[in-house]
Each structure stands twice: as C-alpha cells, then as structure tokens.
Protein backbone atom coordinates (compact mmCIF):
# COMPACT_ATOMS: atom_id res chain seq x y z
CA MET A 1 -4.98 -23.94 -1.78
CA THR A 2 -2.72 -24.80 1.27
CA THR A 3 0.69 -23.61 0.06
CA THR A 4 2.21 -20.78 2.01
CA ALA A 5 2.67 -17.47 -0.11
CA PRO A 6 6.38 -16.27 0.32
CA ALA A 7 6.14 -12.80 2.47
CA SER A 8 7.54 -10.46 -0.03
CA PRO A 9 5.84 -9.34 -3.54
CA VAL A 10 7.78 -11.51 -6.95
CA GLY A 11 9.53 -10.02 -9.12
CA ALA A 12 12.47 -9.97 -11.63
CA SER A 13 15.16 -10.91 -9.06
CA ASP A 14 13.72 -14.22 -8.10
CA GLU A 15 12.25 -15.11 -11.19
CA THR A 16 12.96 -18.78 -12.25
CA ALA A 17 13.56 -20.14 -15.65
CA ALA A 18 10.36 -22.23 -15.14
CA VAL A 19 8.03 -19.12 -14.79
CA ARG A 20 9.79 -17.52 -17.71
CA ASP A 21 9.38 -21.19 -19.64
CA TRP A 22 5.61 -21.70 -18.30
CA LEU A 23 4.79 -18.21 -19.44
CA ARG A 24 5.78 -18.82 -22.98
CA ALA A 25 4.43 -22.42 -23.02
CA ASN A 26 0.78 -20.77 -22.26
CA ALA A 27 0.60 -17.30 -23.92
CA ARG A 28 -2.05 -17.44 -26.20
CA PRO A 29 -1.80 -14.55 -28.91
CA VAL A 30 -4.14 -11.71 -28.90
CA THR A 31 -3.60 -10.28 -32.20
CA GLY A 32 -6.20 -8.30 -32.70
CA SER A 33 -6.07 -6.30 -29.53
CA ASP A 34 -6.18 -2.96 -31.31
CA ALA A 35 -9.85 -3.12 -31.35
CA ASP A 36 -9.82 -5.84 -34.40
CA TYR A 37 -13.49 -7.41 -33.87
CA GLY A 38 -12.82 -9.61 -36.71
CA GLY A 39 -10.21 -12.13 -34.92
CA THR A 40 -10.97 -15.25 -33.40
CA ASP A 41 -7.82 -14.99 -31.73
CA LEU A 42 -9.43 -14.54 -28.03
CA GLU A 43 -11.76 -17.64 -28.73
CA PRO A 44 -9.98 -19.75 -26.48
CA LEU A 45 -10.08 -17.36 -23.51
CA VAL A 46 -13.84 -16.20 -24.03
CA ASP A 47 -14.94 -19.99 -24.27
CA ARG A 48 -12.87 -20.30 -20.78
CA LEU A 49 -14.94 -17.41 -19.27
CA ALA A 50 -18.09 -18.58 -20.66
CA ALA A 51 -19.20 -20.48 -17.07
CA ALA A 52 -19.12 -17.38 -15.35
CA THR A 53 -21.96 -16.03 -13.59
CA VAL A 54 -20.35 -12.76 -13.57
CA VAL A 55 -16.31 -11.67 -15.44
CA GLY A 56 -14.93 -8.27 -14.25
CA LEU A 57 -12.51 -7.05 -16.89
CA GLY A 58 -10.64 -4.28 -15.32
CA GLU A 59 -7.84 -2.16 -16.97
CA SER A 60 -4.25 -1.44 -15.48
CA THR A 61 -4.84 2.23 -16.99
CA ARG A 62 -8.56 4.03 -18.43
CA PHE A 63 -5.94 5.82 -21.25
CA SER A 64 -5.14 2.97 -23.67
CA ARG A 65 -7.11 2.48 -27.11
CA GLN A 66 -5.72 -1.51 -26.77
CA THR A 67 -6.83 -2.12 -23.02
CA PHE A 68 -10.06 -0.72 -23.83
CA GLY A 69 -10.20 -2.34 -27.45
CA VAL A 70 -9.78 -6.03 -25.93
CA ARG A 71 -12.18 -5.57 -23.07
CA SER A 72 -14.99 -4.67 -25.99
CA ARG A 73 -13.83 -7.10 -27.32
CA ILE A 74 -14.24 -9.81 -25.01
CA PHE A 75 -17.65 -8.60 -24.02
CA ARG A 76 -18.83 -8.60 -27.24
CA ALA A 77 -18.01 -12.48 -27.72
CA LEU A 78 -19.82 -13.18 -24.34
CA VAL A 79 -22.57 -10.77 -25.49
CA GLU A 80 -22.93 -12.81 -28.96
CA ARG A 81 -21.45 -16.50 -28.22
CA HIS A 82 -22.43 -16.90 -25.04
CA GLY A 83 -26.07 -14.90 -23.88
CA PHE A 84 -23.95 -12.54 -21.50
CA ARG A 85 -26.87 -9.23 -21.27
CA ALA A 86 -26.05 -7.06 -18.70
CA LEU A 87 -22.88 -4.64 -18.64
CA ALA A 88 -22.17 -3.26 -15.34
CA ILE A 89 -20.01 0.42 -15.23
CA GLN A 90 -17.62 2.61 -13.14
CA ASP A 91 -20.21 5.34 -13.08
CA SER A 92 -23.09 6.16 -10.65
CA ALA A 93 -26.76 5.00 -11.60
CA GLY A 94 -27.84 8.07 -13.39
CA SER A 95 -25.23 7.57 -15.96
CA GLY A 96 -26.29 4.26 -15.97
CA GLU A 97 -29.40 5.03 -16.61
CA ARG A 98 -28.43 6.97 -19.71
CA TRP A 99 -26.62 4.60 -20.68
CA ASP A 100 -29.42 1.75 -20.39
CA ASP A 101 -31.96 4.22 -22.11
CA PHE A 102 -29.71 4.95 -25.23
CA VAL A 103 -29.41 1.11 -26.12
CA ARG A 104 -32.75 0.08 -25.73
CA THR A 105 -34.68 3.10 -27.15
CA GLY A 106 -31.78 4.96 -29.25
CA ALA A 107 -32.58 7.81 -27.30
CA GLY A 108 -30.45 11.18 -28.20
CA ASP A 109 -26.60 10.00 -29.44
CA PRO A 110 -23.65 8.64 -27.97
CA GLU A 111 -22.03 11.64 -27.50
CA SER A 112 -24.75 13.31 -25.54
CA VAL A 113 -25.07 10.09 -23.40
CA LEU A 114 -21.43 10.66 -22.39
CA ALA A 115 -21.83 14.21 -21.72
CA SER A 116 -22.24 13.72 -18.19
CA ALA A 117 -20.83 10.61 -17.67
CA TRP A 118 -17.58 10.03 -15.74
CA ARG A 119 -14.82 11.69 -17.68
CA PRO A 120 -12.33 8.50 -18.07
CA TRP A 121 -15.53 6.95 -20.73
CA ARG A 122 -15.94 10.13 -23.32
CA SER A 123 -14.29 8.54 -25.95
CA ALA A 124 -14.52 7.82 -29.14
CA GLU A 125 -13.94 4.28 -28.16
CA THR A 126 -16.94 4.06 -25.73
CA VAL A 127 -19.18 6.17 -28.51
CA GLU A 128 -18.14 2.74 -30.40
CA ALA A 129 -19.21 -0.15 -27.69
CA LEU A 130 -22.73 1.73 -27.01
CA THR A 131 -23.37 1.67 -31.16
CA TRP A 132 -22.79 -1.65 -31.20
CA ILE A 133 -24.78 -2.06 -28.19
CA ARG A 134 -27.17 -0.29 -29.54
CA ALA A 135 -27.18 -2.10 -33.32
CA PHE A 136 -27.26 -5.15 -31.31
CA ASN A 137 -30.46 -4.58 -29.37
CA GLN A 138 -31.73 -3.03 -32.19
CA GLU A 139 -31.41 -6.73 -33.39
CA HIS A 140 -32.57 -8.87 -30.26
CA GLN A 141 -35.20 -6.64 -29.26
CA ASP A 142 -36.41 -9.99 -27.06
CA ASP A 143 -33.23 -10.48 -25.38
CA PRO A 144 -31.30 -6.85 -24.96
CA VAL A 145 -28.29 -5.98 -23.20
CA ARG A 146 -28.30 -3.77 -20.75
CA ILE A 147 -26.05 -1.17 -18.96
CA PHE A 148 -25.98 -0.31 -15.17
CA GLY A 149 -23.84 2.60 -13.02
CA VAL A 150 -22.53 0.63 -9.81
CA GLU A 151 -22.41 3.56 -7.99
CA PRO A 152 -25.30 5.26 -6.30
CA PRO A 153 -26.98 8.28 -7.94
CA GLN A 154 -24.69 11.26 -7.15
CA ALA A 155 -24.18 14.92 -8.10
CA GLU A 156 -23.92 16.26 -11.54
CA SER A 157 -23.89 20.05 -13.00
CA ALA A 158 -27.58 20.33 -13.42
CA ASP A 159 -27.85 19.80 -9.39
CA TYR A 160 -25.83 23.28 -9.19
CA ASP A 161 -28.25 25.16 -11.56
CA VAL A 162 -30.91 23.90 -9.30
CA VAL A 163 -29.71 25.40 -6.00
CA LEU A 164 -28.90 28.57 -7.94
CA ASP A 165 -32.09 29.18 -9.41
CA TYR A 166 -34.07 28.62 -5.71
CA ILE A 167 -31.49 31.10 -4.16
CA ARG A 168 -31.57 33.64 -7.83
CA HIS A 169 -35.96 33.78 -6.85
CA ALA A 170 -36.36 32.92 -2.92
CA ALA A 171 -32.94 35.12 -1.39
CA PRO A 172 -31.07 36.89 -4.34
CA GLN A 173 -28.73 38.42 -2.09
CA ARG A 174 -27.51 35.53 -1.16
CA LEU A 175 -26.71 35.00 -4.68
CA ILE A 176 -23.37 35.84 -5.31
CA ALA A 177 -21.98 34.38 -2.14
CA LEU A 178 -23.27 31.33 -3.34
CA GLU A 179 -21.98 31.78 -6.78
CA SER A 180 -18.53 31.95 -5.12
CA HIS A 181 -18.56 28.26 -3.71
CA LEU A 182 -20.21 26.32 -6.76
CA THR A 183 -19.01 27.72 -9.80
CA PRO A 184 -15.27 26.65 -8.29
CA ILE A 185 -16.37 23.08 -7.30
CA ARG A 186 -19.03 22.16 -9.93
CA THR A 187 -15.67 21.86 -12.47
CA ALA A 188 -15.19 18.44 -10.47
CA HIS A 189 -17.43 16.74 -12.98
CA GLN A 190 -14.73 17.40 -15.61
CA VAL A 191 -12.21 16.71 -14.15
CA ASP A 192 -11.58 15.23 -10.49
CA GLU A 193 -10.52 17.05 -7.72
CA HIS A 194 -7.30 15.31 -6.52
CA VAL A 195 -6.57 15.41 -10.38
CA GLN A 196 -6.76 19.22 -10.46
CA ARG A 197 -4.39 19.15 -7.58
CA HIS A 198 -1.92 16.53 -8.91
CA GLN A 199 -2.29 19.26 -12.69
CA GLY A 200 -1.78 22.39 -11.04
CA ILE A 201 -4.74 24.10 -11.78
CA HIS A 202 -7.26 23.29 -8.41
CA PRO A 203 -8.31 27.01 -7.01
CA GLY A 204 -6.87 26.65 -3.48
CA ARG A 205 -9.21 25.96 -0.91
CA PRO A 206 -10.90 21.62 -0.41
CA PHE A 207 -14.02 21.29 -2.43
CA LEU A 208 -15.89 19.93 0.73
CA ASP A 209 -15.60 23.14 2.48
CA GLU A 210 -16.96 24.99 -0.72
CA ALA A 211 -20.19 22.37 -0.35
CA ARG A 212 -20.40 22.97 3.20
CA ASP A 213 -20.70 26.57 2.84
CA ALA A 214 -23.26 25.94 -0.24
CA LEU A 215 -25.49 23.92 1.76
CA ALA A 216 -25.17 26.43 4.68
CA LEU A 217 -26.47 29.32 2.75
CA LEU A 218 -30.13 27.71 2.36
CA ASP A 219 -29.98 27.98 6.05
CA GLY A 220 -33.09 30.38 8.02
CA LEU A 221 -34.85 30.56 4.41
CA PRO A 222 -38.99 29.91 4.81
CA GLU A 223 -39.81 26.30 4.43
CA SER A 224 -41.46 25.50 0.86
CA ALA A 225 -41.70 23.24 -1.55
CA GLU A 226 -38.88 24.78 -3.61
CA ARG A 227 -36.58 24.99 -0.42
CA SER A 228 -36.72 20.98 0.21
CA THR A 229 -35.90 20.54 -3.60
CA ALA A 230 -32.72 22.65 -3.39
CA LEU A 231 -31.98 21.26 -0.26
CA ALA A 232 -31.67 17.65 -1.57
CA HIS A 233 -30.01 18.77 -4.42
CA ALA A 234 -27.40 20.93 -2.37
CA ARG A 235 -27.20 18.02 0.22
CA ARG A 236 -26.57 15.41 -2.88
CA ILE A 237 -23.60 17.85 -3.76
CA LEU A 238 -22.27 17.87 -0.42
CA ALA A 239 -22.48 14.32 -0.31
CA PHE A 240 -20.41 14.00 -3.93
CA HIS A 241 -17.46 15.97 -2.62
CA THR A 242 -17.55 14.08 0.49
CA ASN A 243 -17.08 10.89 -1.22
CA SER A 244 -14.36 11.94 -3.90
CA VAL A 245 -11.21 10.92 -3.31
CA ALA A 246 -9.85 14.42 -2.36
CA GLY A 247 -13.13 14.57 0.15
CA GLN A 248 -12.05 11.13 1.74
CA GLY A 249 -8.32 12.11 1.58
CA GLY A 250 -6.97 8.85 -0.67
CA PHE A 251 -8.65 6.10 -2.22
CA ASP A 252 -9.10 3.83 0.63
CA ARG A 253 -12.48 2.57 0.73
CA ASP A 254 -14.81 -0.76 0.97
CA GLU A 255 -16.47 -1.29 -2.40
CA ARG A 256 -19.29 -3.37 -0.89
CA PRO A 257 -22.09 -1.17 -2.35
CA SER A 258 -20.81 -1.72 -5.73
CA ALA A 259 -20.85 -4.94 -5.29
CA ASP A 260 -24.41 -5.38 -4.06
CA ARG A 261 -25.35 -3.54 -6.90
CA VAL A 262 -24.10 -6.69 -9.23
CA ILE A 263 -25.65 -9.13 -6.72
CA GLU A 264 -28.92 -7.41 -6.71
CA TRP A 265 -29.07 -7.00 -10.62
CA HIS A 266 -28.27 -10.53 -11.37
CA ARG A 267 -31.11 -11.42 -8.68
CA ALA A 268 -33.71 -9.37 -10.39
CA THR A 269 -32.63 -10.40 -13.69
CA GLY A 270 -31.08 -13.75 -14.10
CA ALA A 271 -28.30 -12.10 -16.87
CA ARG A 272 -24.86 -13.02 -16.56
CA ILE A 273 -22.74 -9.57 -16.43
CA ALA A 274 -19.52 -8.40 -17.49
CA TYR A 275 -17.75 -5.77 -15.40
CA TRP A 276 -15.87 -2.97 -16.44
CA ASP A 277 -13.46 -1.36 -14.09
CA GLY A 278 -10.24 -0.63 -13.56
CA ILE A 279 -8.03 -3.37 -11.92
CA ALA A 280 -8.06 -2.42 -8.45
CA HIS A 281 -11.92 -2.56 -8.07
CA THR A 282 -12.06 -5.92 -10.46
CA ALA A 283 -9.35 -8.26 -8.42
CA ALA A 284 -10.69 -11.01 -6.51
CA LEU A 285 -9.04 -10.17 -3.70
CA ALA A 286 -8.39 -7.44 -1.22
CA LEU A 287 -5.36 -4.86 -2.31
CA GLY A 288 -2.33 -5.45 0.34
CA ALA A 289 0.03 -8.05 1.48
CA GLN A 290 -2.37 -8.80 4.02
CA PRO A 291 -5.81 -9.34 2.26
CA GLU A 292 -7.92 -9.35 5.74
CA GLN A 293 -5.88 -6.33 6.64
CA SER A 294 -6.47 -4.00 3.86
CA VAL A 295 -8.23 -0.91 3.80
CA PHE A 296 -9.31 -1.24 0.38
CA ARG A 297 -11.62 -3.99 -0.83
CA GLY A 298 -12.36 -3.56 -4.08
CA ALA A 299 -16.23 -4.78 -5.82
CA GLY A 300 -14.56 -7.48 -7.30
CA SER A 301 -13.33 -8.98 -3.98
CA HIS A 302 -17.02 -8.95 -2.70
CA LEU A 303 -18.57 -10.60 -5.89
CA ARG A 304 -15.68 -13.60 -5.41
CA ARG A 305 -16.73 -14.13 -1.95
CA HIS A 306 -20.64 -13.74 -3.33
CA PHE A 307 -19.88 -15.57 -6.49
CA GLY A 308 -16.87 -18.24 -5.35
CA ALA A 309 -15.41 -19.57 -9.06
CA ASP A 310 -18.83 -17.81 -10.87
CA TYR A 311 -16.94 -14.79 -10.89
CA ALA A 312 -13.95 -14.49 -13.28
CA SER A 313 -11.40 -11.93 -12.94
CA VAL A 314 -9.74 -10.79 -15.57
CA ALA A 315 -6.47 -8.47 -15.67
CA ILE A 316 -5.81 -6.57 -18.72
CA GLY A 317 -2.30 -4.31 -18.52
CA PHE A 318 0.95 -3.16 -20.87
CA HIS A 319 4.41 -3.21 -20.80
CA HIS A 320 5.38 0.83 -22.07
CA GLY A 321 3.88 3.28 -24.20
CA ASP A 322 1.77 6.43 -25.05
CA LEU A 323 -1.50 7.16 -23.24
CA GLY A 324 -2.03 10.63 -24.35
CA MET A 325 -1.53 12.53 -21.12
CA ALA A 326 1.99 10.34 -20.16
CA THR A 327 4.34 7.72 -21.92
CA ALA A 328 4.97 5.07 -19.55
CA PRO A 329 8.76 3.54 -19.52
CA ASP A 330 8.85 -0.16 -19.52
CA PRO A 331 8.15 -1.37 -16.16
CA ALA A 332 10.02 -1.98 -13.14
CA PRO A 333 11.63 -5.07 -12.75
CA ASP A 334 9.67 -6.39 -9.64
CA LEU A 335 6.21 -5.53 -11.10
CA ILE A 336 4.00 -8.86 -13.31
CA ASP A 337 3.97 -6.37 -16.48
CA ALA A 338 7.76 -7.15 -16.18
CA THR A 339 7.73 -10.45 -16.15
CA LEU A 340 4.86 -10.88 -18.59
CA GLY A 341 7.15 -8.77 -21.24
CA ALA A 342 9.50 -11.49 -21.30
CA VAL A 343 7.22 -12.80 -23.55
CA ASN A 344 8.05 -12.38 -27.47
CA LEU A 345 4.25 -11.63 -28.10
CA PRO A 346 2.82 -7.92 -29.27
CA ALA A 347 -0.14 -9.12 -26.94
CA PHE A 348 -1.38 -12.42 -25.19
CA ALA A 349 -3.34 -14.01 -22.64
CA VAL A 350 -2.37 -17.01 -20.17
CA ASP A 351 -4.76 -18.26 -17.85
CA LEU A 352 -3.33 -18.60 -14.07
CA ARG A 353 -5.18 -21.90 -13.85
CA ALA A 354 -3.42 -24.09 -15.62
CA GLN A 355 -1.66 -26.93 -14.59
CA ALA A 356 1.94 -25.99 -14.18
CA PRO A 357 4.85 -27.07 -11.88
CA ASP A 358 5.91 -26.26 -8.41
CA PRO A 359 7.93 -23.24 -9.05
CA VAL A 360 5.83 -21.44 -11.49
CA HIS A 361 2.61 -22.39 -8.29
CA ARG A 362 4.77 -20.89 -5.80
CA TRP A 363 4.84 -18.07 -7.99
CA ARG A 364 1.29 -17.62 -8.50
CA LEU A 365 0.09 -18.08 -5.02
CA ALA A 366 2.94 -15.19 -3.78
CA PRO A 367 2.16 -11.58 -3.68
CA ALA A 368 2.20 -9.45 -6.86
CA LYS A 369 2.82 -5.88 -8.02
CA LEU A 370 1.13 -4.46 -11.33
CA ARG A 371 1.42 -1.76 -13.00
CA THR A 372 -1.88 0.96 -12.62
CA ILE A 373 -1.63 4.56 -13.78
CA SER A 374 -4.39 7.07 -13.20
CA GLY A 375 -5.00 10.56 -14.06
CA ILE A 376 -2.45 11.62 -11.80
CA TYR A 377 0.17 9.73 -13.00
CA ASP A 378 3.46 11.17 -13.00
CA PRO A 379 6.27 8.75 -15.17
CA ALA A 380 8.98 9.96 -13.12
CA GLN A 381 7.19 8.72 -10.19
CA ASP A 382 6.84 5.66 -12.10
CA ALA A 383 7.77 3.23 -9.43
CA ASP A 384 5.05 4.54 -7.28
CA ALA A 385 2.33 3.63 -9.79
CA ASN A 386 1.32 0.79 -8.66
CA MET A 387 -0.39 -1.94 -6.79
CA LEU A 388 -0.08 -4.78 -4.47
CA VAL A 389 -2.65 -8.03 -4.40
CA GLY A 390 -1.73 -10.65 -1.24
CA SER A 391 -1.99 -13.35 -4.02
CA LEU A 392 -1.90 -13.09 -8.05
CA ILE A 393 -3.51 -16.68 -8.50
CA GLU A 394 -6.39 -15.07 -5.87
CA ALA A 395 -6.92 -11.95 -7.26
CA PHE A 396 -7.02 -12.48 -11.04
CA ASP A 397 -7.82 -15.50 -13.29
CA VAL A 398 -6.24 -14.37 -16.37
CA LEU A 399 -3.89 -12.34 -17.37
CA ILE A 400 -3.45 -10.06 -20.75
CA HIS A 401 -0.70 -8.45 -22.08
CA ILE A 402 0.19 -5.75 -24.08
CA ARG A 403 3.54 -5.04 -25.44
CA GLU A 404 2.84 -1.25 -26.67
CA THR A 405 -0.31 0.94 -26.01
CA THR A 406 -1.47 4.01 -28.31
CA PRO A 407 -3.88 6.47 -26.61
CA LEU A 408 -7.69 6.79 -26.43
CA ARG A 409 -9.37 8.87 -29.12
CA TRP A 410 -11.41 11.04 -26.62
CA LEU A 411 -13.80 13.81 -27.56
CA PRO A 412 -12.93 16.63 -28.39
CA GLU A 413 -14.43 18.45 -25.37
CA PHE A 414 -13.30 16.16 -23.09
CA ALA A 415 -9.53 15.72 -23.52
CA PRO A 416 -7.29 15.41 -20.62
CA SER A 417 -5.14 18.11 -20.27
CA THR A 418 -1.53 16.69 -20.93
C-alpha cells in the first residue's frame, strides 16, 4: 500500500459520513453471537477466512460470554466445513498437552484439565469448547483436532511441592524459611501477581525476590539426584516469576517464540490452525504508532511476516456491558469501538478488505485505538484501557463488533474477585 497514513489515530472527531455509510453497508449481522451454534449468519465470514493457513481470533477482553461465543462458533465452522485441525491457545506447553490429551483420548474431564490452566480459561465456555472438540474427535478418529499451548513449559503448583518435599527430607531446618518464600508466590498460579497488586491483595514483597531466595536455600546441600531434580523445579519457578508481567515490569515483550510454536506445528503436521488469544497478541502489526519502533511485537505480527496473506487476523470487540468483575461504559469517542457503534446492530462483522472509497481507505490505513480490557481493568480509568496500532487494516482483516456483553460463566472455584 502506498497511501501515507495520517500521524494521529482515527476517532469520532474526524470520522466522515463516508466511513459511517460504508460500515453500515458492509456490516454483516451476526445473529448468534451468544453461543448459538446453529445459525448460518457466519457463513460468509468463515468462507472468507477459510483460505488462510492460520486464523488469529483475538478478543478485546477475556471476560465476555459473547466474544468467546462468536470466536468458538467461527472455530467450529472452520473445523467442520474447512478442515482446520489445530487450536493454538495462550497457555503453557504443559497445559496445552493436557487439553490435547483430553480431546484425543477422553482422559479425565474438562474441569480437571482446566484446574492448572491459565486462569482466563477456567470457565464453563471453555468446558463446552473442549467437550465439543472431544465429541468431534470421537467421530473423526483418523483426522482429529489437536490443541497446543504457544507458551514454553512453565512452573505449575506441583513444582513447589517437589522443592518443598526435597527440603523436608534433605534439610528440614530450612523448611520454614522455604515455605515463607513459596507459600505467597504460588498464589500467582490462581491470580496473576500484577492482578493481585491491582486488587490490593498482594502480600507486599515482589514474587521474583521470593523465588530467588527460595532457590538460594538449595545452595550448599550435598549433591544428589534428588537435589538436581529440586533445583530444576526451583529454577522453573524462578523463570515463571521472572517472565511474568510483574517480573518484567509491564506488558512489553516480543512474542516471537509463541509465533515460532505455531509455525513449527504447521510445518510438522501440515494442519491449518486457529489461534485464540487477545487482540494485542493476534494483531498482524506490532503495537504503537510506529510499528518498527514498538517494544511489543505480538505473535500475530510474526505470523503475518511468515505467512503473509495466509495469516488472517480477526478482532472481536464490544461496545459496552457487564464483564462480571466490572461494567464497561460506552467507549471513548476516539476508539474504533465507538466508530463501530454507529452501526445499529446487536452484533456484526465487517471485512476491512472490502472495496471502499478513498475516505474509507484512508480511515482503514490510519493509526487506530481499540479497547482492550484485562484483569486490571478499572472503569474509572476506562480511557487508558486501549491499544494503538499503526494501521487498522494492516493489523486486522476482519472486525467483529458486539454491542452489549454479559459475563463468562466461571467455574465456581476460579471465579475472579469483583
């Protein structure tokens, strides 16, 4: 594309009648966004996505039943009608293996599979998704859907027990000190450390410091196979807290390893893949007004670089509504979510690659701000809950907009604090 994008984000202040008219003319109603899997409303969208090798299905929040529902519907259609046979999830390799084992073999049950999963997955909606994939695989045993996590192996609660058991037998005089370090930080596997700080429930000392001190308690003990095993688990715990949002001091990072995991899966299996994550991660462009200078490069930006047009990027957002842990107001006027709100439909999809007049093309090329709501969302600071991409059309191929949201149905023991 040769047209030069304007230097500032597009918002309601400079939105033209042509943009509004184009959106209304090109919006395709999504009548079953609330997990109604029987409708045909998504067929044109799914057919358009079917040519891709990898489809990134990103949500603007992980708390909405409607955004999860429409994403799950797209995935099912890609599997049933177009032969997609892999699901990449934002979680560790170990968690992905448990998901995969269940959908391939039926081992265990979805609730047990999700007990150690990343917290946003612990919902009735995810249970339904796993149950559907398992049923599909039972009917297609020679051509099953596989699941994998895009993150490397990470520490889990069981790692802490290995270290504690070793010290309990090898150096019981150090056990109380070790427990004082590990007990508070293993809570991060239920509620992320940065979320604990936001909610005011953090015990105070950085978890990374506690993990370092826990590892140091293994120093000086006699060499043995048991000590080597405990050291490996303690180092995994330290790596988990080092690489966390709190340990890194923010969200900025390069997700090349996550993209490589997707690329390697495709190379090894030939499968076409749906990738479930947040829109910051699935966007085909790095975040920031100057993408080449951005400090956050999501997996989607690397997938676009590798696959080109064979990576399709879908952003699933919403206008307002109940998220369970908070109620989101109408979006600020400068957000794309507010622009899409001019379309008087409960839910719709718009193909950003559709033909458009010059004013609309300039709007699509321009930098754009989109609402993003995470676990540290505060409605009083809604103006800060967004991300900036250097070009709307270079970041996303399709936008799906849901006017009003209701909360996910969390598994009881994993319901977020409000």
